[in-house]
Protein backbone atom coordinates (compact mmCIF):
# COMPACT_ATOMS: atom_id res chain seq x y z
CA MET A 1 -45.06 -79.92 -18.50
CA THR A 2 -44.38 -76.32 -17.67
CA GLN A 3 -44.50 -74.67 -14.06
CA THR A 4 -47.52 -72.80 -14.72
CA THR A 5 -49.77 -75.66 -16.30
CA VAL A 6 -52.91 -76.66 -14.36
CA PRO A 7 -53.73 -80.56 -13.89
CA VAL A 8 -57.20 -81.26 -14.72
CA ILE A 9 -59.67 -83.58 -12.84
CA PHE A 10 -62.54 -84.98 -14.72
CA ASP A 11 -65.56 -86.53 -13.44
CA LEU A 12 -66.92 -89.09 -16.03
CA ASP A 13 -70.37 -89.63 -16.61
CA GLY A 14 -71.81 -86.25 -17.29
CA THR A 15 -68.29 -84.71 -18.35
CA LEU A 16 -66.66 -87.06 -20.65
CA VAL A 17 -69.23 -89.43 -21.74
CA ASP A 18 -72.77 -88.93 -22.53
CA PRO A 19 -74.35 -92.06 -20.84
CA ALA A 20 -77.32 -91.67 -23.60
CA GLY A 21 -80.07 -93.09 -21.18
CA GLY A 22 -77.20 -96.51 -20.52
CA ILE A 23 -77.63 -95.29 -16.91
CA THR A 24 -81.19 -94.12 -16.39
CA GLY A 25 -82.62 -97.04 -18.60
CA GLY A 26 -80.81 -99.44 -16.55
CA ILE A 27 -81.61 -98.51 -13.29
CA SER A 28 -85.23 -98.24 -14.77
CA ALA A 29 -85.24 -101.81 -15.79
CA ALA A 30 -83.99 -103.09 -12.65
CA LEU A 31 -86.49 -101.52 -10.80
CA ARG A 32 -88.79 -103.31 -12.54
CA GLU A 33 -87.41 -106.57 -12.55
CA MET A 34 -87.16 -106.29 -8.55
CA GLY A 35 -90.90 -105.23 -8.48
CA LEU A 36 -90.23 -101.55 -7.55
CA PRO A 37 -91.70 -98.66 -9.01
CA VAL A 38 -89.27 -96.47 -11.33
CA PRO A 39 -89.62 -92.81 -10.84
CA GLU A 40 -90.15 -90.28 -13.18
CA GLN A 41 -87.23 -89.18 -15.73
CA ALA A 42 -85.87 -85.97 -13.46
CA VAL A 43 -85.41 -87.98 -10.50
CA LEU A 44 -83.92 -90.66 -12.95
CA LYS A 45 -81.61 -88.34 -14.20
CA ALA A 46 -80.76 -86.77 -11.03
CA MET A 47 -79.30 -90.29 -10.03
CA VAL A 48 -76.23 -89.85 -12.23
CA GLY A 49 -73.48 -88.41 -10.56
CA PRO A 50 -73.93 -89.88 -6.51
CA LYS A 51 -72.92 -93.17 -5.46
CA LEU A 52 -76.10 -95.67 -7.06
CA SER A 53 -76.39 -96.56 -3.34
CA ASP A 54 -77.44 -93.53 -2.23
CA ALA A 55 -79.47 -93.07 -5.22
CA LEU A 56 -81.39 -96.66 -4.79
CA LEU A 57 -81.55 -95.49 -1.29
CA HIS A 58 -82.47 -91.58 -1.40
CA LEU A 59 -84.19 -90.78 -4.80
CA ALA A 60 -85.76 -94.12 -5.68
CA ASN A 61 -86.84 -95.23 -2.26
CA VAL A 62 -85.33 -98.85 -2.38
CA PRO A 63 -85.58 -100.52 0.74
CA ALA A 64 -82.17 -101.31 1.82
CA GLU A 65 -82.36 -105.00 2.04
CA LEU A 66 -83.28 -104.63 -1.62
CA VAL A 67 -80.23 -102.56 -2.86
CA ASP A 68 -77.57 -104.81 -3.31
CA GLU A 69 -79.34 -107.05 -5.66
CA THR A 70 -80.73 -104.02 -7.43
CA ILE A 71 -77.21 -102.79 -8.00
CA SER A 72 -76.59 -106.54 -9.54
CA ARG A 73 -79.09 -106.19 -12.07
CA TYR A 74 -78.16 -102.71 -13.11
CA ARG A 75 -74.68 -103.78 -13.33
CA GLN A 76 -75.91 -106.18 -15.87
CA HIS A 77 -77.61 -104.36 -17.56
CA TYR A 78 -74.97 -101.66 -17.86
CA ARG A 79 -72.39 -103.68 -19.24
CA GLU A 80 -74.75 -105.58 -21.36
CA THR A 81 -76.11 -102.93 -23.19
CA GLY A 82 -75.52 -99.43 -21.43
CA ILE A 83 -71.78 -99.03 -22.21
CA GLY A 84 -72.76 -99.62 -25.85
CA GLN A 85 -75.48 -96.70 -25.47
CA SER A 86 -72.61 -94.12 -24.51
CA LYS A 87 -70.82 -91.43 -26.63
CA LEU A 88 -68.30 -89.08 -25.93
CA TYR A 89 -69.29 -85.63 -25.97
CA PRO A 90 -68.49 -83.06 -28.42
CA GLY A 91 -65.17 -81.84 -28.50
CA ILE A 92 -64.11 -83.83 -25.66
CA PHE A 93 -61.39 -86.35 -27.77
CA ASP A 94 -59.83 -83.01 -29.21
CA LEU A 95 -59.50 -81.89 -25.87
CA LEU A 96 -57.91 -84.33 -24.33
CA GLU A 97 -55.74 -85.06 -27.17
CA PHE A 98 -54.69 -81.16 -26.91
CA PHE A 99 -53.84 -81.78 -23.54
CA ALA A 100 -51.32 -84.54 -24.49
CA GLU A 101 -50.25 -83.10 -27.14
CA THR A 102 -49.15 -80.12 -24.75
CA GLY A 103 -48.22 -82.21 -21.64
CA ARG A 104 -50.82 -81.18 -19.36
CA ALA A 105 -51.53 -84.03 -17.12
CA VAL A 106 -55.17 -85.05 -16.71
CA ALA A 107 -57.28 -87.80 -14.69
CA VAL A 108 -60.56 -89.19 -13.61
CA ALA A 109 -62.62 -89.19 -10.44
CA THR A 110 -65.80 -90.64 -10.47
CA GLN A 111 -67.74 -92.25 -7.84
CA LYS A 112 -68.64 -95.06 -10.96
CA PRO A 113 -66.75 -98.15 -9.79
CA GLN A 114 -63.15 -97.70 -10.80
CA GLY A 115 -63.01 -101.04 -13.06
CA ILE A 116 -66.12 -100.20 -14.67
CA ALA A 117 -64.89 -96.98 -15.28
CA ARG A 118 -61.91 -97.73 -17.15
CA ILE A 119 -63.56 -100.60 -18.85
CA VAL A 120 -65.79 -97.27 -20.18
CA LEU A 121 -62.47 -95.24 -21.08
CA GLU A 122 -61.03 -98.27 -23.26
CA HIS A 123 -64.51 -98.51 -25.33
CA HIS A 124 -64.21 -94.75 -25.83
CA GLY A 125 -60.46 -94.61 -26.88
CA ILE A 126 -59.40 -92.17 -24.01
CA ALA A 127 -57.87 -94.43 -21.54
CA ASP A 128 -54.70 -93.65 -21.89
CA PHE A 129 -54.69 -90.12 -21.68
CA PHE A 130 -55.29 -90.11 -18.44
CA VAL A 131 -52.51 -90.67 -15.79
CA SER A 132 -54.87 -91.85 -12.95
CA ILE A 133 -58.08 -93.06 -13.34
CA ARG A 134 -59.95 -93.31 -9.58
CA GLY A 135 -63.16 -93.93 -8.43
CA ALA A 136 -65.76 -95.61 -6.09
CA ALA A 137 -64.89 -99.81 -4.82
CA ASP A 138 -65.92 -101.99 -7.06
CA ASP A 139 -68.02 -104.12 -4.40
CA GLU A 140 -70.76 -102.04 -4.57
CA SER A 141 -72.59 -103.35 -1.89
CA LEU A 142 -73.78 -101.45 1.24
CA ALA A 143 -71.85 -103.30 3.64
CA ALA A 144 -68.54 -102.56 1.01
CA ASN A 145 -69.49 -98.81 -0.28
CA SER A 146 -69.15 -96.14 2.48
CA ALA A 147 -65.92 -95.59 2.20
CA SER A 148 -65.19 -93.43 -0.74
CA GLY A 149 -67.11 -90.77 -1.22
CA LYS A 150 -66.12 -87.97 -3.98
CA ILE A 151 -63.90 -86.10 -1.68
CA GLU A 152 -62.30 -89.01 -1.14
CA ILE A 153 -62.06 -90.43 -4.79
CA VAL A 154 -60.75 -86.48 -5.94
CA GLY A 155 -58.03 -86.64 -3.27
CA ALA A 156 -56.66 -89.99 -3.94
CA ALA A 157 -56.30 -88.71 -8.16
CA LEU A 158 -54.80 -85.42 -6.59
CA ALA A 159 -52.35 -87.84 -5.24
CA ASP A 160 -51.58 -89.36 -8.30
CA LEU A 161 -51.13 -86.06 -10.06
CA HIS A 162 -48.34 -85.05 -7.21
CA SER A 163 -49.16 -81.42 -8.09
CA GLN A 164 -51.32 -78.92 -6.47
CA PRO A 165 -53.05 -76.94 -7.24
CA ALA A 166 -54.88 -78.93 -9.98
CA VAL A 167 -58.57 -77.98 -11.31
CA MET A 168 -61.65 -80.23 -11.25
CA VAL A 169 -63.96 -80.25 -13.66
CA GLY A 170 -67.78 -81.75 -13.21
CA ASP A 171 -71.53 -81.74 -14.15
CA ARG A 172 -72.86 -81.83 -10.78
CA HIS A 173 -73.04 -80.37 -7.13
CA GLN A 174 -70.74 -83.18 -5.59
CA ASP A 175 -67.75 -82.61 -7.84
CA VAL A 176 -68.03 -79.22 -6.76
CA ALA A 177 -67.78 -80.54 -3.38
CA GLY A 178 -65.22 -82.86 -3.64
CA ALA A 179 -63.22 -80.40 -5.60
CA MET A 180 -63.18 -77.66 -2.55
CA ALA A 181 -63.11 -80.52 0.05
CA ASN A 182 -59.30 -81.16 -1.66
CA GLY A 183 -59.00 -77.21 -2.20
CA LEU A 184 -59.42 -76.57 -5.67
CA ASP A 185 -61.34 -74.74 -8.07
CA CYS A 186 -64.07 -76.52 -9.84
CA ILE A 187 -65.19 -76.19 -13.68
CA GLY A 188 -68.77 -76.92 -13.74
CA VAL A 189 -70.36 -78.14 -17.28
CA ARG A 190 -73.75 -77.53 -18.76
CA TRP A 191 -73.64 -80.39 -20.90
CA GLY A 192 -74.23 -83.38 -18.15
CA PHE A 193 -76.63 -83.81 -15.59
CA ALA A 194 -77.14 -80.56 -13.34
CA SER A 195 -80.32 -78.71 -12.40
CA ASP A 196 -80.49 -74.91 -12.94
CA GLY A 197 -78.49 -73.07 -11.38
CA GLU A 198 -76.88 -76.40 -9.21
CA LEU A 199 -73.17 -75.79 -10.13
CA GLU A 200 -73.10 -72.00 -9.63
CA GLU A 201 -75.01 -72.75 -6.02
CA ALA A 202 -72.35 -75.12 -5.21
CA GLY A 203 -69.45 -72.68 -5.68
CA ALA A 204 -68.31 -73.50 -9.15
CA VAL A 205 -65.80 -71.15 -10.19
CA ALA A 206 -67.15 -71.20 -13.79
CA VAL A 207 -69.75 -73.13 -15.58
CA VAL A 208 -69.26 -73.30 -19.38
CA GLY A 209 -71.08 -75.00 -22.23
CA THR A 210 -68.77 -75.88 -24.82
CA ALA A 211 -65.28 -78.30 -25.01
CA LEU A 212 -63.56 -75.63 -26.61
CA GLU A 213 -65.06 -73.00 -24.00
CA LEU A 214 -63.65 -75.17 -21.11
CA ARG A 215 -59.82 -75.09 -22.43
CA THR A 216 -59.81 -71.45 -22.62
CA LYS A 217 -61.48 -71.17 -18.69
CA ILE A 218 -58.23 -73.93 -18.18
CA GLU A 219 -55.92 -71.74 -20.10
CA GLU A 220 -57.49 -68.62 -17.94
CA LEU A 221 -56.22 -70.06 -14.67
CA ASP A 222 -53.01 -71.39 -16.17
CA ALA A 223 -52.73 -67.71 -16.86
CA VAL A 224 -53.74 -66.35 -12.99
CA ARG A 225 -50.84 -69.23 -12.12
CA ALA A 226 -48.58 -67.51 -14.11
CA ALA A 227 -48.96 -63.86 -12.88
CA ALA A 228 -49.19 -65.22 -9.17
CA LEU A 229 -45.99 -67.39 -9.47
CA SER A 230 -44.14 -63.99 -11.29
CA GLU A 231 -45.28 -62.06 -8.14
CA VAL A 232 -44.15 -64.19 -5.54
CA GLN A 233 -40.68 -64.39 -7.84
CA ASN A 234 -40.72 -60.52 -7.91
CA ASP A 235 -41.45 -60.19 -4.80
CA GLY A 236 -38.73 -61.89 -3.63
CA SER A 237 -36.03 -60.71 -5.48
CA LEU A 238 -36.80 -57.29 -3.31
């Protein structure tokens, strides 16, 4: 890997993988089994990205004492049918393959439990592309789920890369916030679950609509870094 190649940290759901209803459908099924109201589709879509416990509490208004059982039922649905429903977004496999061929390090930082994240990536045949797969604790109970938010997860992935700067790629404002808190730029993707203007308002340096546009923007960041390094080296030689 050349000195000016920027490593990339990817979010998972809504960025690499289209859940294709596997998440929202699983949440709906779990809520129905619990005898709880199912929110409208817009709310269900907004639940993709944040911690599941937070989303259940604050978006679906699930009573705190029922959150753990709701999560357990959701995870059962997700393992049985949700993973199989998911699919890679167009161009993602080719992009990751290109990065591997050109020596660019890539990592995953997701608020999905880390063990399940790896299963999803393995299901789609892309796990081996990543030097690091970081996620939330596999124990999603309320008592155990408060320690690792997006900021900490992105930080863990960045530490695994042993490189600064890197760039974050994600589809929700939590991805932008996690990147910025770790001193990273974030490129937003339009194909995920963000509402109109969400990524721009959060501070994404760019928002792209295709995997090819994403590759181009990342290569532009390489060029910016190369120019900055050249300027520093030239100043030092004076």
